Protein backbone atom coordinates (compact mmCIF):
# COMPACT_ATOMS: atom_id res chain seq x y z
CA MET A 1 140.28 117.23 19.11
CA THR A 2 143.82 117.22 18.84
CA LEU A 3 145.51 114.73 16.29
CA ILE A 4 149.27 114.22 15.92
CA VAL A 5 151.50 111.76 14.80
CA ARG A 6 154.66 110.63 16.99
CA ASP A 7 157.01 108.08 16.76
CA LEU A 8 156.13 104.66 19.02
CA ARG A 9 157.53 104.89 22.24
CA ALA A 10 159.43 101.72 22.53
CA ALA A 11 160.64 101.93 26.00
CA ASP A 12 156.69 102.15 26.76
CA PRO A 13 155.16 98.71 26.64
CA ALA A 14 151.55 100.21 26.93
CA ASP A 15 152.44 102.09 23.77
CA ALA A 16 153.34 98.53 21.82
CA GLU A 17 149.94 97.26 23.35
CA ALA A 18 148.26 100.24 21.90
CA PHE A 19 149.66 100.13 18.74
CA ALA A 20 149.23 96.21 18.61
CA ASP A 21 145.19 96.57 19.57
CA VAL A 22 144.84 98.80 16.21
CA ARG A 23 146.24 96.59 14.27
CA ARG A 24 144.54 93.77 15.59
CA ARG A 25 141.10 95.41 14.80
CA ALA A 26 142.00 97.14 11.51
CA LEU A 27 143.01 93.36 10.21
CA PRO A 28 141.50 90.86 12.48
CA PHE A 29 143.02 88.33 10.39
CA LEU A 30 146.58 89.04 11.30
CA VAL A 31 148.54 88.04 14.31
CA GLY A 32 150.59 90.45 16.38
CA THR A 33 151.84 91.18 19.91
CA ALA A 34 153.20 93.64 21.54
CA GLU A 35 156.53 91.73 22.34
CA SER A 36 156.43 91.17 18.64
CA LEU A 37 156.40 94.60 17.18
CA LEU A 38 159.21 95.45 19.84
CA HIS A 39 161.26 92.61 18.12
CA ASP A 40 161.03 94.16 14.68
CA ALA A 41 161.41 97.35 15.83
CA THR A 42 164.90 96.24 17.45
CA LEU A 43 166.39 93.84 15.02
CA ALA A 44 165.61 95.91 12.07
CA PRO A 45 169.21 96.68 10.42
CA PRO A 46 169.87 100.40 10.17
CA GLU A 47 169.88 100.40 6.61
CA ALA A 48 166.08 99.06 6.71
CA HIS A 49 165.36 102.72 8.29
CA HIS A 50 162.58 100.86 10.16
CA GLN A 51 159.93 103.12 11.89
CA HIS A 52 156.72 102.95 13.66
CA LEU A 53 154.40 105.68 13.66
CA VAL A 54 151.06 105.96 15.78
CA ALA A 55 148.72 108.79 15.50
CA GLU A 56 147.30 110.27 18.70
CA ALA A 57 143.70 111.80 19.41
CA ASP A 58 143.48 113.52 22.61
CA GLY A 59 146.13 111.09 24.33
CA GLU A 60 144.31 107.54 22.53
CA VAL A 61 146.51 105.59 20.09
CA ILE A 62 143.96 105.57 16.97
CA GLY A 63 146.24 105.00 14.09
CA THR A 64 149.52 102.91 13.31
CA ALA A 65 152.32 103.22 10.56
CA GLN A 66 155.13 100.78 9.88
CA LEU A 67 157.41 102.16 7.13
CA SER A 68 160.84 100.92 5.91
CA ILE A 69 163.36 100.43 3.10
CA ALA A 70 163.59 97.31 1.42
CA HIS A 71 166.89 96.87 2.39
CA ASP A 72 167.10 92.78 1.59
CA SER A 73 166.34 93.39 -2.27
CA PRO A 74 168.67 94.18 -5.14
CA VAL A 75 166.69 97.20 -6.54
CA PRO A 76 168.11 100.07 -4.22
CA GLY A 77 165.06 103.04 -3.13
CA GLN A 78 161.98 101.13 -2.76
CA GLY A 79 160.05 101.78 0.34
CA ASP A 80 156.86 100.40 2.25
CA ILE A 81 154.11 102.09 4.47
CA ASN A 82 151.41 100.47 5.89
CA VAL A 83 148.70 102.38 7.27
CA TYR A 84 145.64 101.32 9.80
CA VAL A 85 143.27 103.04 11.66
CA HIS A 86 140.97 102.03 14.30
CA PRO A 87 137.66 101.09 12.60
CA ALA A 88 136.12 103.33 15.24
CA HIS A 89 137.82 106.52 14.51
CA LEU A 90 137.91 106.50 11.05
CA ARG A 91 137.68 109.78 8.57
CA ARG A 92 138.92 111.77 11.37
CA GLY A 93 142.51 112.74 9.50
CA ALA A 94 144.56 110.30 11.53
CA GLY A 95 145.34 107.77 7.99
CA ALA A 96 146.19 111.06 5.96
CA LEU A 97 148.56 112.44 8.57
CA LEU A 98 150.31 109.23 9.07
CA ALA A 99 150.50 108.63 5.17
CA ARG A 100 152.24 112.12 4.95
CA THR A 101 154.49 111.97 7.47
CA ALA A 102 155.56 108.26 6.46
CA GLU A 103 156.01 109.16 2.70
CA GLU A 104 158.27 112.62 4.12
CA ARG A 105 160.77 110.26 6.37
CA LEU A 106 160.70 107.75 3.50
CA ALA A 107 162.04 110.25 0.91
CA ALA A 108 164.32 111.97 2.88
CA VAL A 109 165.90 108.65 3.25
CA GLY A 110 166.53 107.78 -0.13
CA ALA A 111 163.14 106.18 -1.03
CA ARG A 112 162.18 106.81 -4.88
CA ARG A 113 159.32 104.05 -5.14
CA LEU A 114 156.68 103.56 -2.32
CA LEU A 115 154.39 100.28 -2.21
CA SER A 116 151.73 100.21 0.61
CA TRP A 117 149.22 97.61 0.95
CA VAL A 118 145.45 98.78 1.13
CA LEU A 119 142.16 96.70 1.76
CA ASP A 120 140.56 96.56 -1.37
CA THR A 121 137.59 98.49 -0.33
CA PRO A 122 136.38 101.57 -2.21
CA GLU A 123 137.05 103.81 0.39
CA ASN A 124 140.73 102.42 1.07
CA ARG A 125 141.34 102.37 -2.53
CA GLY A 126 140.38 105.95 -3.31
CA PHE A 127 142.46 106.80 0.01
CA ALA A 128 145.62 105.63 -1.80
CA GLU A 129 144.56 106.97 -5.05
CA ARG A 130 144.11 110.12 -3.79
CA ARG A 131 147.82 110.23 -3.08
CA GLY A 132 148.53 109.46 -6.55
CA TYR A 133 149.20 105.76 -5.68
CA THR A 134 147.84 103.02 -8.43
CA PRO A 135 146.98 99.25 -8.18
CA SER A 136 149.32 96.25 -9.11
CA ARG A 137 148.74 92.95 -7.68
CA SER A 138 146.71 91.98 -4.91
CA ALA A 139 146.73 89.13 -2.19
CA HIS A 140 143.87 87.02 -0.59
CA PHE A 141 143.80 86.55 3.16
CA LEU A 142 141.86 83.20 4.05
CA ARG A 143 140.29 81.79 6.97
CA LEU A 144 139.59 78.24 8.23
CA ASP A 145 137.54 77.06 11.15
CA LEU A 146 139.75 74.83 12.84
CA ALA A 147 137.22 74.48 15.57
CA HIS A 148 134.05 73.12 13.59
CA GLY A 149 135.71 72.59 10.27
CA SER A 150 136.90 69.42 8.70
CA LEU A 151 140.49 68.52 7.75
CA PRO A 152 141.80 65.70 5.25
CA PRO A 153 142.64 62.87 7.16
CA SER A 154 146.51 62.18 8.25
CA HIS A 155 148.32 59.57 6.95
CA SER A 156 151.84 58.14 7.41
CA PRO A 157 154.46 59.67 5.38
CA PRO A 158 156.17 57.74 2.45
CA GLU A 159 159.39 55.59 3.90
CA ASP A 160 161.85 58.01 2.75
CA VAL A 161 160.00 61.04 3.98
CA GLU A 162 159.90 62.01 7.62
CA LEU A 163 158.06 64.88 9.75
CA ARG A 164 159.41 67.01 11.88
CA THR A 165 159.48 70.67 13.29
CA ALA A 166 161.19 73.51 13.42
CA ALA A 167 161.82 73.45 16.95
CA ASP A 168 163.96 70.34 15.86
CA PHE A 169 166.58 72.26 14.57
CA ALA A 170 167.48 74.74 17.47
CA ASP A 171 171.16 73.37 17.66
CA ASP A 172 171.62 74.00 13.83
CA PRO A 173 168.68 76.12 11.91
CA ARG A 174 171.03 76.58 9.08
CA PRO A 175 169.30 73.55 7.14
CA LEU A 176 166.06 75.63 6.98
CA PHE A 177 167.66 79.01 6.37
CA ASP A 178 168.84 77.40 3.01
CA LEU A 179 165.38 75.93 2.51
CA ASP A 180 163.74 79.53 3.51
CA ALA A 181 165.93 81.67 1.28
CA GLU A 182 165.52 78.96 -1.70
CA THR A 183 161.59 79.01 -1.89
CA THR A 184 161.84 83.24 -0.60
CA ALA A 185 163.47 83.68 -4.02
CA ASP A 186 160.67 81.91 -6.08
CA GLU A 187 157.43 83.52 -4.51
CA PRO A 188 155.87 86.32 -6.66
CA GLY A 189 155.69 90.09 -5.48
CA ASP A 190 156.90 93.18 -6.58
CA VAL A 191 159.75 93.46 -5.00
CA GLU A 192 162.64 90.91 -5.31
CA ALA A 193 163.64 89.61 -2.05
CA GLU A 194 167.18 87.85 -1.26
CA LEU A 195 167.84 85.78 2.44
CA ASP A 196 171.58 85.99 2.41
CA ASP A 197 172.44 86.75 6.18
CA TYR A 198 172.14 84.07 8.30
CA GLU A 199 172.93 85.45 11.72
CA HIS A 200 170.29 88.12 11.09
CA TRP A 201 167.75 85.26 9.96
CA VAL A 202 168.35 83.64 13.01
CA GLU A 203 167.01 86.23 15.22
CA GLU A 204 164.64 88.12 12.94
CA ILE A 205 162.89 85.29 11.83
CA TYR A 206 163.65 81.89 13.59
CA ARG A 207 163.56 83.52 17.06
CA HIS A 208 161.02 85.59 16.38
CA PRO A 209 158.21 85.54 19.20
CA LEU A 210 155.24 84.82 16.76
CA LEU A 211 157.16 82.00 15.42
CA ASP A 212 155.55 78.98 17.26
CA ARG A 213 158.60 76.45 16.39
CA ALA A 214 156.51 73.20 17.51
CA LEU A 215 153.69 73.62 15.10
CA SER A 216 155.80 74.72 12.06
CA THR A 217 156.05 71.53 10.33
CA VAL A 218 159.25 70.70 8.08
CA VAL A 219 159.13 67.68 5.35
CA VAL A 220 162.59 66.07 5.52
CA VAL A 221 163.35 63.75 2.47
CA ASP A 222 166.45 61.03 3.18
CA GLY A 223 168.00 63.39 5.49
CA THR A 224 167.57 66.68 3.30
CA PRO A 225 165.02 69.19 4.34
CA ALA A 226 162.63 69.71 1.28
CA ALA A 227 159.15 71.30 2.52
CA PHE A 228 158.31 73.40 5.67
CA THR A 229 155.22 75.40 6.52
CA ALA A 230 156.24 78.51 9.16
CA VAL A 231 153.28 79.02 11.35
CA ARG A 232 152.88 82.26 13.63
CA THR A 233 150.46 82.00 16.78
CA ASP A 234 149.16 84.52 19.52
CA GLY A 235 149.21 82.38 22.64
CA ARG A 236 145.53 82.75 22.56
CA ASP A 237 143.50 81.17 19.66
CA ARG A 238 145.22 82.77 16.26
CA TYR A 239 146.90 80.49 13.83
CA PHE A 240 148.49 82.11 10.65
CA THR A 241 150.42 80.42 8.14
CA ALA A 242 153.44 82.79 7.33
CA MET A 243 155.20 81.07 5.10
CA THR A 244 154.76 77.52 3.40
CA GLY A 245 157.18 76.29 0.37
CA THR A 246 159.11 73.48 -1.13
CA ALA A 247 162.63 73.12 -2.45
CA ARG A 248 163.00 72.98 -6.19
CA ALA A 249 164.15 69.71 -6.62
CA PHE A 250 161.27 68.03 -4.80
CA ARG A 251 158.34 70.04 -6.12
CA GLY A 252 155.50 67.82 -7.67
CA ARG A 253 155.14 65.29 -5.05
CA GLY A 254 152.54 67.20 -2.65
CA LEU A 255 154.97 67.39 0.29
CA ALA A 256 153.34 71.02 0.78
CA LYS A 257 150.33 69.69 1.33
CA LEU A 258 151.69 67.16 3.74
CA ALA A 259 153.80 69.71 5.61
CA LYS A 260 150.31 71.41 6.15
CA ASN A 261 148.31 69.11 6.90
CA ASP A 262 150.25 67.57 9.73
CA SER A 263 150.98 71.53 11.09
CA LEU A 264 147.11 71.61 10.84
CA HIS A 265 145.97 68.90 12.80
CA ARG A 266 148.63 69.27 15.46
CA ALA A 267 147.16 72.81 15.76
CA ARG A 268 143.80 71.80 16.25
CA ALA A 269 144.54 69.54 19.18
CA ALA A 270 146.48 72.34 20.73
CA GLY A 271 143.20 74.12 20.93
CA TYR A 272 143.74 76.87 18.21
CA ALA A 273 140.14 77.69 16.87
CA GLU A 274 140.74 79.55 13.49
CA ALA A 275 143.62 79.12 10.97
CA PHE A 276 144.78 82.21 8.43
CA THR A 277 147.29 82.31 5.82
CA GLY A 278 147.34 85.04 2.82
CA ASN A 279 148.44 84.44 -0.79
CA ASP A 280 148.93 86.36 -3.57
CA ALA A 281 146.78 86.16 -6.12
CA GLY A 282 148.37 85.10 -8.78
CA ASN A 283 150.11 82.30 -6.67
CA GLY A 284 147.42 79.53 -7.78
CA PRO A 285 149.28 76.27 -6.91
CA MET A 286 149.37 77.23 -3.00
CA LEU A 287 145.55 79.08 -3.31
CA ALA A 288 144.67 75.65 -4.56
CA VAL A 289 146.19 73.88 -1.73
CA ASN A 290 144.26 75.65 0.45
CA LYS A 291 141.23 75.85 -0.93
CA TRP A 292 141.72 71.86 -0.71
CA PHE A 293 142.10 71.82 3.03
CA GLY A 294 138.82 74.08 3.24
CA TYR A 295 140.57 78.33 3.27
CA GLU A 296 137.89 80.43 1.97
CA VAL A 297 139.00 84.02 0.95
CA CYS A 298 137.96 86.67 4.34
CA ALA A 299 139.49 89.99 3.20
CA THR A 300 141.50 90.94 -0.01
CA GLU A 301 144.28 93.43 -0.21
CA VAL A 302 145.86 95.43 -3.11
CA ARG A 303 148.83 96.62 -3.61
CA TYR A 304 149.49 100.65 -4.38
CA VAL A 305 152.50 101.59 -6.05
CA ARG A 306 153.84 105.53 -5.88
CA GLU A 307 156.95 106.41 -8.46
CA ILE A 308 158.39 109.44 -6.27
CA GLY A 309 161.84 110.33 -8.12
């Protein structure tokens, strides 16, 4: 077997599709397409040093890695690495070669701290720990059976509340940017993130090919966007809640539930069979909301950290 690691050929649609296929098989609870992969690769700012690598065995793509510098964090030098191998090609050295190559590239552009999500299995945890990483926080993936499960009934919102969609803000998405920036700042995590570039946010997030603006619900209170749920879909049967948040001034009113319930009902009517989401293990309020809807944990990831400088 000849095993090599190389850069993704962004100009080759077949290469992008092979990358996306490995990710779908390794992480069946995430939503991803070749189009979204190329979108991310194209729009990443230079300071992020965003790269996609593939492991190729005898001409077949069997593993992938994404790496970048957290350019939107106020703390410099924090690198992200996520390595995944096709389940049918484990224990062939692809993961180790991808990880080593990614670590070397990030160190070369100034990374001093490396962070990686690892599926919570003995094999994956052992792989990270042998490379000098230590565990920090964890996060859960949750699944809801939209085709056969039950949802809370839909209710009309209060008089001062209006349910809209992200698509309704196409002419001026600035209010959604402001809401996303505030809620993102309050998200738990190892790396603080700041959304401060509106134009980049429009291109990278609002116009992302996976963002289903028609199924992403925005709760507007007295004319002000107060809560939202941002949804990604794959155009097939997968629905993933990428973010749900409520502005600080409107918390405690059940608006996040209102947004999610509206979106889930409309997703089921549109024919989506499964709904997935992810929550930090320490985010008790959102875990409670999702369990109230009937979501169940289907996998867990652990954030591993390695100091290199």
